C-alpha atoms as a PDB file:
ATOM      1  CA  UNK A   1      41.400  70.432  55.080  1.00  0.00           C
ATOM      2  CA  UNK A   2      39.882  67.551  52.824  1.00  0.00           C
ATOM      3  CA  UNK A   3      43.502  66.554  52.325  1.00  0.00           C
ATOM      4  CA  UNK A   4      43.765  65.769  55.896  1.00  0.00           C
ATOM      5  CA  UNK A   5      40.892  64.080  56.334  1.00  0.00           C
ATOM      6  CA  UNK A   6      42.052  61.651  53.136  1.00  0.00           C
ATOM      7  CA  UNK A   7      45.703  61.322  54.743  1.00  0.00           C
ATOM      8  CA  UNK A   8      44.154  60.812  58.312  1.00  0.00           C
ATOM      9  CA  UNK A   9      42.069  57.787  57.008  1.00  0.00           C
ATOM     10  CA  UNK A  10      44.897  56.281  54.505  1.00  0.00           C
ATOM     11  CA  UNK A  11      47.163  56.089  57.868  1.00  0.00           C
ATOM     12  CA  UNK A  12      44.101  54.936  59.722  1.00  0.00           C
ATOM     13  CA  UNK A  13      43.661  51.612  57.561  1.00  0.00           C
ATOM     14  CA  UNK A  14      47.429  51.144  57.299  1.00  0.00           C
ATOM     15  CA  UNK A  15      47.349  51.187  60.954  1.00  0.00           C
ATOM     16  CA  UNK A  16      44.423  48.559  61.223  1.00  0.00           C
ATOM     17  CA  UNK A  17      46.104  46.111  58.368  1.00  0.00           C
ATOM     18  CA  UNK A  18      49.079  46.452  60.249  1.00  0.00           C
ATOM     19  CA  UNK A  19      47.476  45.127  63.451  1.00  0.00           C
ATOM     20  CA  UNK A  20      45.768  42.722  61.908  1.00  0.00           C
ATOM     21  CA  UNK A  21      48.774  40.986  59.752  1.00  0.00           C
ATOM     22  CA  UNK A  22      51.030  40.801  63.286  1.00  0.00           C
ATOM     23  CA  UNK A  23      47.915  39.742  65.518  1.00  0.00           C
ATOM     24  CA  UNK A  24      49.367  36.770  67.101  1.00  0.00           C
ATOM     25  CA  UNK A  25      45.490  34.753  67.369  1.00  0.00           C
ATOM     26  CA  UNK A  26      45.694  34.735  63.907  1.00  0.00           C
ATOM     27  CA  UNK A  27      45.987  30.848  63.208  1.00  0.00           C
ATOM     28  CA  UNK A  28      48.915  29.446  61.261  1.00  0.00           C
ATOM     29  CA  UNK A  29      48.655  26.928  58.926  1.00  0.00           C
ATOM     30  CA  UNK A  30      48.180  23.371  60.988  1.00  0.00           C
ATOM     31  CA  UNK A  31      50.030  20.347  59.584  1.00  0.00           C
ATOM     32  CA  UNK A  32      47.677  17.826  59.599  1.00  0.00           C
ATOM     33  CA  UNK A  33      48.331  13.615  58.826  1.00  0.00           C
ATOM     34  CA  UNK A  34      45.186  11.937  57.641  1.00  0.00           C
ATOM     35  CA  UNK A  35      45.290   7.969  58.016  1.00  0.00           C
ATOM     36  CA  UNK A  36      43.294   5.573  56.253  1.00  0.00           C
ATOM     37  CA  UNK A  37      41.832   2.238  57.380  1.00  0.00           C
ATOM     38  CA  UNK A  38      41.763  -1.070  54.547  1.00  0.00           C
ATOM     39  CA  UNK A  39      39.412  -3.560  54.486  1.00  0.00           C
ATOM     40  CA  UNK A  40      35.958  -2.714  55.718  1.00  0.00           C
ATOM     41  CA  UNK A  41      37.485   0.058  57.722  1.00  0.00           C
ATOM     42  CA  UNK A  42      37.734  -2.367  60.695  1.00  0.00           C
ATOM     43  CA  UNK A  43      41.457  -4.529  60.051  1.00  0.00           C
ATOM     44  CA  UNK A  44      43.360  -1.520  60.329  1.00  0.00           C
ATOM     45  CA  UNK A  45      43.197  -0.166  63.813  1.00  0.00           C
ATOM     46  CA  UNK A  46      46.782   0.314  63.793  1.00  0.00           C
ATOM     47  CA  UNK A  47      46.316   3.211  62.150  1.00  0.00           C
ATOM     48  CA  UNK A  48      44.547   4.596  65.132  1.00  0.00           C
ATOM     49  CA  UNK A  49      47.277   3.326  67.677  1.00  0.00           C
ATOM     50  CA  UNK A  50      49.496   5.726  65.258  1.00  0.00           C
ATOM     51  CA  UNK A  51      47.252   8.309  65.362  1.00  0.00           C
ATOM     52  CA  UNK A  52      46.945   8.639  69.006  1.00  0.00           C
ATOM     53  CA  UNK A  53      51.100   8.129  69.304  1.00  0.00           C
ATOM     54  CA  UNK A  54      51.179  11.162  66.639  1.00  0.00           C
ATOM     55  CA  UNK A  55      48.589  13.605  68.503  1.00  0.00           C
ATOM     56  CA  UNK A  56      50.371  13.112  71.784  1.00  0.00           C
ATOM     57  CA  UNK A  57      53.025  14.245  70.391  1.00  0.00           C
ATOM     58  CA  UNK A  58      51.436  17.205  69.135  1.00  0.00           C
ATOM     59  CA  UNK A  59      50.572  16.469  65.537  1.00  0.00           C
ATOM     60  CA  UNK A  60      47.387  17.190  64.460  1.00  0.00           C
ATOM     61  CA  UNK A  61      46.150  13.128  62.824  1.00  0.00           C
ATOM     62  CA  UNK A  62      42.726  11.575  62.010  1.00  0.00           C
ATOM     63  CA  UNK A  63      41.559   8.517  61.077  1.00  0.00           C
ATOM     64  CA  UNK A  64      38.717   8.109  58.266  1.00  0.00           C
ATOM     65  CA  UNK A  65      37.857   4.579  55.939  1.00  0.00           C
ATOM     66  CA  UNK A  66      39.909   4.611  52.823  1.00  0.00           C
ATOM     67  CA  UNK A  67      36.915   4.579  50.838  1.00  0.00           C
ATOM     68  CA  UNK A  68      36.398   9.189  51.442  1.00  0.00           C
ATOM     69  CA  UNK A  69      39.726   9.556  50.374  1.00  0.00           C
ATOM     70  CA  UNK A  70      38.747  11.647  47.211  1.00  0.00           C
ATOM     71  CA  UNK A  71      36.015  13.971  49.607  1.00  0.00           C
ATOM     72  CA  UNK A  72      38.940  13.836  52.478  1.00  0.00           C
ATOM     73  CA  UNK A  73      41.093  14.817  49.730  1.00  0.00           C
ATOM     74  CA  UNK A  74      38.595  18.078  48.276  1.00  0.00           C
ATOM     75  CA  UNK A  75      38.569  19.213  51.516  1.00  0.00           C
ATOM     76  CA  UNK A  76      42.673  19.284  52.399  1.00  0.00           C
ATOM     77  CA  UNK A  77      42.762  21.204  49.214  1.00  0.00           C
ATOM     78  CA  UNK A  78      40.514  23.827  50.264  1.00  0.00           C
ATOM     79  CA  UNK A  79      42.334  24.663  53.701  1.00  0.00           C
ATOM     80  CA  UNK A  80      45.351  24.140  52.021  1.00  0.00           C
ATOM     81  CA  UNK A  81      44.449  26.841  49.708  1.00  0.00           C
ATOM     82  CA  UNK A  82      42.744  29.359  52.436  1.00  0.00           C
ATOM     83  CA  UNK A  83      45.945  28.868  54.845  1.00  0.00           C
ATOM     84  CA  UNK A  84      44.752  26.238  57.093  1.00  0.00           C
ATOM     85  CA  UNK A  85      46.356  23.166  56.575  1.00  0.00           C
ATOM     86  CA  UNK A  86      50.141  21.934  55.643  1.00  0.00           C
ATOM     87  CA  UNK A  87      52.328  20.340  55.275  1.00  0.00           C
ATOM     88  CA  UNK A  88      50.049  17.559  54.396  1.00  0.00           C
ATOM     89  CA  UNK A  89      50.849  13.664  55.008  1.00  0.00           C
ATOM     90  CA  UNK A  90      48.981  10.892  54.486  1.00  0.00           C
ATOM     91  CA  UNK A  91      49.465   7.214  56.118  1.00  0.00           C
ATOM     92  CA  UNK A  92      47.138   3.952  54.708  1.00  0.00           C
ATOM     93  CA  UNK A  93      47.187   0.645  55.845  1.00  0.00           C
ATOM     94  CA  UNK A  94      46.179  -2.419  52.850  1.00  0.00           C
ATOM     95  CA  UNK A  95      43.428  -0.432  50.527  1.00  0.00           C
ATOM     96  CA  UNK A  96      44.029   2.352  52.459  1.00  0.00           C
ATOM     97  CA  UNK A  97      47.597   2.477  51.702  1.00  0.00           C
ATOM     98  CA  UNK A  98      46.347   1.899  47.747  1.00  0.00           C
ATOM     99  CA  UNK A  99      43.956   4.754  48.779  1.00  0.00           C
ATOM    100  CA  UNK A 100      46.646   6.975  50.198  1.00  0.00           C
ATOM    101  CA  UNK A 101      49.065   7.105  46.626  1.00  0.00           C
ATOM    102  CA  UNK A 102      45.535   8.138  45.233  1.00  0.00           C
ATOM    103  CA  UNK A 103      44.619  10.673  47.283  1.00  0.00           C
ATOM    104  CA  UNK A 104      48.750  12.246  47.080  1.00  0.00           C
ATOM    105  CA  UNK A 105      48.465  12.158  43.287  1.00  0.00           C
ATOM    106  CA  UNK A 106      44.986  13.328  43.093  1.00  0.00           C
ATOM    107  CA  UNK A 107      46.237  16.403  45.582  1.00  0.00           C
ATOM    108  CA  UNK A 108      49.763  17.163  43.580  1.00  0.00           C
ATOM    109  CA  UNK A 109      47.641  17.381  40.583  1.00  0.00           C
ATOM    110  CA  UNK A 110      45.685  20.371  41.733  1.00  0.00           C
ATOM    111  CA  UNK A 111      48.786  21.710  42.802  1.00  0.00           C
ATOM    112  CA  UNK A 112      48.528  20.983  46.414  1.00  0.00           C
ATOM    113  CA  UNK A 113      51.994  19.183  47.711  1.00  0.00           C
ATOM    114  CA  UNK A 114      51.959  16.703  49.821  1.00  0.00           C
ATOM    115  CA  UNK A 115      55.130  16.316  52.349  1.00  0.00           C
ATOM    116  CA  UNK A 116      54.753  12.516  53.049  1.00  0.00           C
ATOM    117  CA  UNK A 117      52.900   9.429  52.058  1.00  0.00           C
ATOM    118  CA  UNK A 118      53.470   6.140  54.089  1.00  0.00           C
ATOM    119  CA  UNK A 119      51.887   2.870  52.292  1.00  0.00           C
ATOM    120  CA  UNK A 120      51.691  -0.175  55.006  1.00  0.00           C
ATOM    121  CA  UNK A 121      51.300  -3.216  52.838  1.00  0.00           C
ATOM    122  CA  UNK A 122      49.549  -2.002  50.177  1.00  0.00           C
ATOM    123  CA  UNK A 123      47.451  -4.205  47.455  1.00  0.00           C
ATOM    124  CA  UNK A 124      49.358  -3.302  44.050  1.00  0.00           C
ATOM    125  CA  UNK A 125      52.012  -1.166  42.882  1.00  0.00           C
ATOM    126  CA  UNK A 126      51.284   2.376  42.752  1.00  0.00           C
ATOM    127  CA  UNK A 127      53.336   5.653  40.731  1.00  0.00           C
ATOM    128  CA  UNK A 128      54.028   8.402  42.956  1.00  0.00           C
ATOM    129  CA  UNK A 129      52.876  11.404  40.767  1.00  0.00           C
ATOM    130  CA  UNK A 130      54.313  14.915  40.803  1.00  0.00           C
ATOM    131  CA  UNK A 131      54.220  17.228  44.165  1.00  0.00           C
ATOM    132  CA  UNK A 132      54.704  14.201  46.458  1.00  0.00           C
ATOM    133  CA  UNK A 133      57.984  14.931  48.208  1.00  0.00           C
ATOM    134  CA  UNK A 134      58.302  11.444  49.883  1.00  0.00           C
ATOM    135  CA  UNK A 135      57.821   8.504  49.833  1.00  0.00           C
ATOM    136  CA  UNK A 136      58.339   5.614  52.230  1.00  0.00           C
ATOM    137  CA  UNK A 137      56.611   2.393  51.550  1.00  0.00           C
ATOM    138  CA  UNK A 138      56.970  -0.318  54.467  1.00  0.00           C
ATOM    139  CA  UNK A 139      55.779  -3.452  52.600  1.00  0.00           C
ATOM    140  CA  UNK A 140      56.390  -7.577  53.138  1.00  0.00           C
ATOM    141  CA  UNK A 141      55.335  -8.427  48.891  1.00  0.00           C
ATOM    142  CA  UNK A 142      57.341  -7.241  45.967  1.00  0.00           C
ATOM    143  CA  UNK A 143      54.850  -6.603  44.102  1.00  0.00           C
ATOM    144  CA  UNK A 144      53.681  -3.961  45.751  1.00  0.00           C
ATOM    145  CA  UNK A 145      56.787  -1.977  45.195  1.00  0.00           C
ATOM    146  CA  UNK A 146      55.978   1.646  44.563  1.00  0.00           C
ATOM    147  CA  UNK A 147      57.274   3.267  41.517  1.00  0.00           C
ATOM    148  CA  UNK A 148      58.142   6.585  40.314  1.00  0.00           C
ATOM    149  CA  UNK A 149      55.208   8.068  38.354  1.00  0.00           C
ATOM    150  CA  UNK A 150      56.451  10.914  35.236  1.00  0.00           C
ATOM    151  CA  UNK A 151      56.662  14.049  36.676  1.00  0.00           C
ATOM    152  CA  UNK A 152      57.883  12.468  39.974  1.00  0.00           C
ATOM    153  CA  UNK A 153      61.269  14.294  41.513  1.00  0.00           C
ATOM    154  CA  UNK A 154      60.205  13.583  44.993  1.00  0.00           C
ATOM    155  CA  UNK A 155      62.538  10.694  46.985  1.00  0.00           C
ATOM    156  CA  UNK A 156      61.001   6.764  46.551  1.00  0.00           C
ATOM    157  CA  UNK A 157      61.869   4.595  49.365  1.00  0.00           C
ATOM    158  CA  UNK A 158      60.348   0.400  49.518  1.00  0.00           C
ATOM    159  CA  UNK A 159      61.234  -1.514  52.704  1.00  0.00           C
ATOM    160  CA  UNK A 160      60.849  -4.949  51.989  1.00  0.00           C
ATOM    161  CA  UNK A 161      59.793  -6.541  55.504  1.00  0.00           C
ATOM    162  CA  UNK A 162      58.862 -10.523  53.725  1.00  0.00           C
ATOM    163  CA  UNK A 163      62.129 -11.935  54.858  1.00  0.00           C
ATOM    164  CA  UNK A 164      60.581 -10.894  58.852  1.00  0.00           C
ATOM    165  CA  UNK A 165      58.325 -14.148  60.038  1.00  0.00           C
ATOM    166  CA  UNK A 166      57.024 -11.716  62.739  1.00  0.00           C
ATOM    167  CA  UNK A 167      55.223  -8.982  60.194  1.00  0.00           C
ATOM    168  CA  UNK A 168      52.216  -9.985  57.716  1.00  0.00           C
ATOM    169  CA  UNK A 169      49.609  -7.727  55.934  1.00  0.00           C
ATOM    170  CA  UNK A 170      47.100  -7.772  58.962  1.00  0.00           C
ATOM    171  CA  UNK A 171      49.716  -6.905  62.092  1.00  0.00           C
ATOM    172  CA  UNK A 172      52.497  -4.493  59.941  1.00  0.00           C
ATOM    173  CA  UNK A 173      49.703  -1.620  60.470  1.00  0.00           C
ATOM    174  CA  UNK A 174      50.616  -2.371  64.373  1.00  0.00           C
ATOM    175  CA  UNK A 175      54.099  -3.092  64.542  1.00  0.00           C
ATOM    176  CA  UNK A 176      55.876  -0.884  67.558  1.00  0.00           C
ATOM    177  CA  UNK A 177      59.220  -0.640  65.423  1.00  0.00           C
ATOM    178  CA  UNK A 178      57.389   0.505  62.359  1.00  0.00           C
ATOM    179  CA  UNK A 179      55.390   2.956  64.324  1.00  0.00           C
ATOM    180  CA  UNK A 180      58.870   4.505  65.536  1.00  0.00           C
ATOM    181  CA  UNK A 181      59.998   5.130  61.924  1.00  0.00           C
ATOM    182  CA  UNK A 182      56.803   6.277  61.070  1.00  0.00           C
ATOM    183  CA  UNK A 183      56.681   9.150  63.804  1.00  0.00           C
ATOM    184  CA  UNK A 184      60.378   9.995  63.147  1.00  0.00           C
ATOM    185  CA  UNK A 185      59.714  10.654  59.528  1.00  0.00           C
ATOM    186  CA  UNK A 186      56.478  12.584  60.332  1.00  0.00           C
ATOM    187  CA  UNK A 187      58.308  14.558  63.214  1.00  0.00           C
ATOM    188  CA  UNK A 188      60.619  15.546  60.702  1.00  0.00           C
ATOM    189  CA  UNK A 189      58.177  16.893  58.185  1.00  0.00           C
ATOM    190  CA  UNK A 190      56.114  18.595  60.251  1.00  0.00           C
ATOM    191  CA  UNK A 191      59.183  20.460  62.316  1.00  0.00           C
ATOM    192  CA  UNK A 192      57.038  23.866  63.929  1.00  0.00           C
ATOM    193  CA  UNK A 193      53.436  22.854  62.638  1.00  0.00           C
ATOM    194  CA  UNK A 194      52.516  21.463  65.424  1.00  0.00           C
ATOM    195  CA  UNK A 195      49.218  22.362  68.266  1.00  0.00           C
ATOM    196  CA  UNK A 196      50.014  22.444  71.828  1.00  0.00           C
ATOM    197  CA  UNK A 197      47.868  20.702  74.441  1.00  0.00           C
ATOM    198  CA  UNK A 198      47.045  22.180  77.536  1.00  0.00           C
ATOM    199  CA  UNK A 199      49.085  21.700  80.459  1.00  0.00           C
ATOM    200  CA  UNK A 200      48.655  18.320  81.624  1.00  0.00           C
ATOM    201  CA  UNK A 201      46.777  17.056  79.809  1.00  0.00           C
ATOM    202  CA  UNK A 202      47.448  14.844  76.444  1.00  0.00           C
ATOM    203  CA  UNK A 203      46.072  15.862  73.202  1.00  0.00           C
ATOM    204  CA  UNK A 204      42.784  13.956  72.006  1.00  0.00           C
ATOM    205  CA  UNK A 205      42.948  11.890  69.198  1.00  0.00           C
ATOM    206  CA  UNK A 206      40.386  12.374  66.277  1.00  0.00           C
ATOM    207  CA  UNK A 207      39.231   9.313  64.550  1.00  0.00           C
ATOM    208  CA  UNK A 208      36.164   7.974  62.730  1.00  0.00           C
ATOM    209  CA  UNK A 209      33.595   5.532  63.897  1.00  0.00           C
ATOM    210  CA  UNK A 210      34.393   2.027  62.045  1.00  0.00           C
ATOM    211  CA  UNK A 211      31.466   1.448  60.573  1.00  0.00           C
ATOM    212  CA  UNK A 212      30.555  -2.170  58.906  1.00  0.00           C
ATOM    213  CA  UNK A 213      31.765  -1.158  56.174  1.00  0.00           C
ATOM    214  CA  UNK A 214      30.846  -3.358  52.768  1.00  0.00           C
ATOM    215  CA  UNK A 215      32.869  -6.445  52.414  1.00  0.00           C
ATOM    216  CA  UNK A 216      35.118  -7.669  49.643  1.00  0.00           C
ATOM    217  CA  UNK A 217      38.613  -8.600  48.948  1.00  0.00           C
ATOM    218  CA  UNK A 218      41.026  -6.333  48.238  1.00  0.00           C
ATOM    219  CA  UNK A 219      42.276  -6.647  44.950  1.00  0.00           C
ATOM    220  CA  UNK A 220      45.977  -7.968  44.210  1.00  0.00           C
ATOM    221  CA  UNK A 221      47.941  -6.766  41.409  1.00  0.00           C
ATOM    222  CA  UNK A 222      50.154  -9.622  39.485  1.00  0.00           C
ATOM    223  CA  UNK A 223      53.882  -9.856  39.595  1.00  0.00           C
ATOM    224  CA  UNK A 224      54.331  -9.402  36.396  1.00  0.00           C
ATOM    225  CA  UNK A 225      53.030  -5.955  36.225  1.00  0.00           C
ATOM    226  CA  UNK A 226      55.834  -5.307  33.321  1.00  0.00           C
ATOM    227  CA  UNK A 227      57.997  -3.281  35.106  1.00  0.00           C
ATOM    228  CA  UNK A 228      61.725  -4.187  35.884  1.00  0.00           C
ATOM    229  CA  UNK A 229      62.131  -5.214  39.613  1.00  0.00           C
ATOM    230  CA  UNK A 230      64.214  -3.284  41.502  1.00  0.00           C
ATOM    231  CA  UNK A 231      67.794  -4.350  42.610  1.00  0.00           C
ATOM    232  CA  UNK A 232      67.892  -5.661  46.054  1.00  0.00           C
ATOM    233  CA  UNK A 233      70.101  -3.937  48.521  1.00  0.00           C
ATOM    234  CA  UNK A 234      70.770  -5.363  52.145  1.00  0.00           C
ATOM    235  CA  UNK A 235      69.736  -3.449  55.282  1.00  0.00           C
ATOM    236  CA  UNK A 236      71.478  -1.968  58.393  1.00  0.00           C
ATOM    237  CA  UNK A 237      70.044  -1.774  61.723  1.00  0.00           C
ATOM    238  CA  UNK A 238      67.911   1.049  63.191  1.00  0.00           C
ATOM    239  CA  UNK A 239      68.514   4.763  64.211  1.00  0.00           C
ATOM    240  CA  UNK A 240      66.762   6.377  67.437  1.00  0.00           C
ATOM    241  CA  UNK A 241      62.817   7.277  66.859  1.00  0.00           C
ATOM    242  CA  UNK A 242      63.503  11.536  66.922  1.00  0.00           C
ATOM    243  CA  UNK A 243      64.246  13.093  64.063  1.00  0.00           C
ATOM    244  CA  UNK A 244      67.594  14.314  64.005  1.00  0.00           C
ATOM    245  CA  UNK A 245      70.898  13.312  62.785  1.00  0.00           C
ATOM    246  CA  UNK A 246      70.838   9.490  61.740  1.00  0.00           C
ATOM    247  CA  UNK A 247      73.280   7.337  63.586  1.00  0.00           C
ATOM    248  CA  UNK A 248      75.783   5.687  61.849  1.00  0.00           C
ATOM    249  CA  UNK A 249      75.351   2.267  60.952  1.00  0.00           C
ATOM    250  CA  UNK A 250      76.712  -0.639  62.350  1.00  0.00           C
ATOM    251  CA  UNK A 251      76.692  -4.078  61.553  1.00  0.00           C
ATOM    252  CA  UNK A 252      74.185  -5.369  59.549  1.00  0.00           C
ATOM    253  CA  UNK A 253      72.005  -8.705  60.083  1.00  0.00           C
ATOM    254  CA  UNK A 254      69.975  -7.974  63.178  1.00  0.00           C
ATOM    255  CA  UNK A 255      67.169  -7.307  61.694  1.00  0.00           C
ATOM    256  CA  UNK A 256      66.051  -3.482  62.718  1.00  0.00           C
ATOM    257  CA  UNK A 257      65.623  -0.968  60.018  1.00  0.00           C
ATOM    258  CA  UNK A 258      67.729   1.453  59.485  1.00  0.00           C
ATOM    259  CA  UNK A 259      67.149   5.105  59.373  1.00  0.00           C
ATOM    260  CA  UNK A 260      69.767   6.365  56.882  1.00  0.00           C
ATOM    261  CA  UNK A 261      68.937   7.528  53.353  1.00  0.00           C
ATOM    262  CA  UNK A 262      69.570   4.368  51.225  1.00  0.00           C
ATOM    263  CA  UNK A 263      71.675   4.885  48.570  1.00  0.00           C
ATOM    264  CA  UNK A 264      70.796   6.406  45.432  1.00  0.00           C
ATOM    265  CA  UNK A 265      67.116   6.654  46.905  1.00  0.00           C
ATOM    266  CA  UNK A 266      65.836   5.654  43.863  1.00  0.00           C
ATOM    267  CA  UNK A 267      63.257   3.285  44.739  1.00  0.00           C
ATOM    268  CA  UNK A 268      65.181   0.453  45.427  1.00  0.00           C
ATOM    269  CA  UNK A 269      64.083  -1.728  48.307  1.00  0.00           C
ATOM    270  CA  UNK A 270      66.000  -2.333  52.139  1.00  0.00           C
ATOM    271  CA  UNK A 271      65.432  -5.905  52.688  1.00  0.00           C
ATOM    272  CA  UNK A 272      64.943  -5.427  56.162  1.00  0.00           C
ATOM    273  CA  UNK A 273      65.523  -8.963  58.414  1.00  0.00           C
ATOM    274  CA  UNK A 274      63.573  -9.879  61.823  1.00  0.00           C
ATOM    275  CA  UNK A 275      64.644  -8.664  64.725  1.00  0.00           C
ATOM    276  CA  UNK A 276      66.594 -11.100  67.075  1.00  0.00           C
ATOM    277  CA  UNK A 277      65.891 -11.924  70.813  1.00  0.00           C
ATOM    278  CA  UNK A 278      68.644 -10.667  73.218  1.00  0.00           C
ATOM    279  CA  UNK A 279      70.744 -13.578  73.250  1.00  0.00           C
ATOM    280  CA  UNK A 280      70.501 -15.528  76.980  1.00  0.00           C
ATOM    281  CA  UNK A 281      73.052 -15.068  79.184  1.00  0.00           C
ATOM    282  CA  UNK A 282      75.913 -17.541  79.619  1.00  0.00           C
ATOM    283  CA  UNK A 283      76.467 -19.466  82.706  1.00  0.00           C
ATOM    284  CA  UNK A 284      80.044 -19.986  83.977  1.00  0.00           C
ATOM    285  CA  UNK A 285      81.273 -23.549  84.002  1.00  0.00           C
ATOM    286  CA  UNK A 286      81.012 -24.921  87.071  1.00  0.00           C
END
């Protein structure tokens, strides 16, 4: 009789464990895009716009002050190890771009993988470390090319926009075509790790308030940082936003960026030429 009771209890416990493990209500890890503003937390509002665009697509995105990157990293690490969060993506502008690289390396050093880092015009050249899968660096100054650091085995692309007169440090984070490129990259990473908005409603973006912050200028690294400057290769035109198979390259020179993988993917910069306005139609001669 006693043995029967022990067997019955064992079967009951096993059944409960199976039921809990197969419960569809249990939360799966959620992709999280961390966006970091730059100087004084008020000059990078393109990060807020990008967060809104991602949230509308079902990708959980938050915006914070670049100065908070370490506390955000600690929270991300705890959530990842608890099975609540992942993949992790980090995007930043200016000082926020520098902080994005630091946050990614900090997480990677602690065994927390970072799927994608997108610096928008950082103030210096930094190295990507182990645990970082991909860096897409968008910059208009050649001293802010990102480099491969010790242990980095991921993908690194520097996109140089310095030849585009319409792009500068204060508006690079707001460029619609760069947003389209980044959204495509993010959607390609998150896959099924998206949240679902209620029918007829958009997801509410999560943005931190923009306090006045502490004044201070960005620190700029000199061009002669001792690292060999990569060779430059010409760009080809842009692919669609969706993370589908990239369109075949066509003639270069119209200034749009190409979403296809660059040669060797070694950090060699792609020069993105300025976009040209459509030509005016030619009127027939009378």
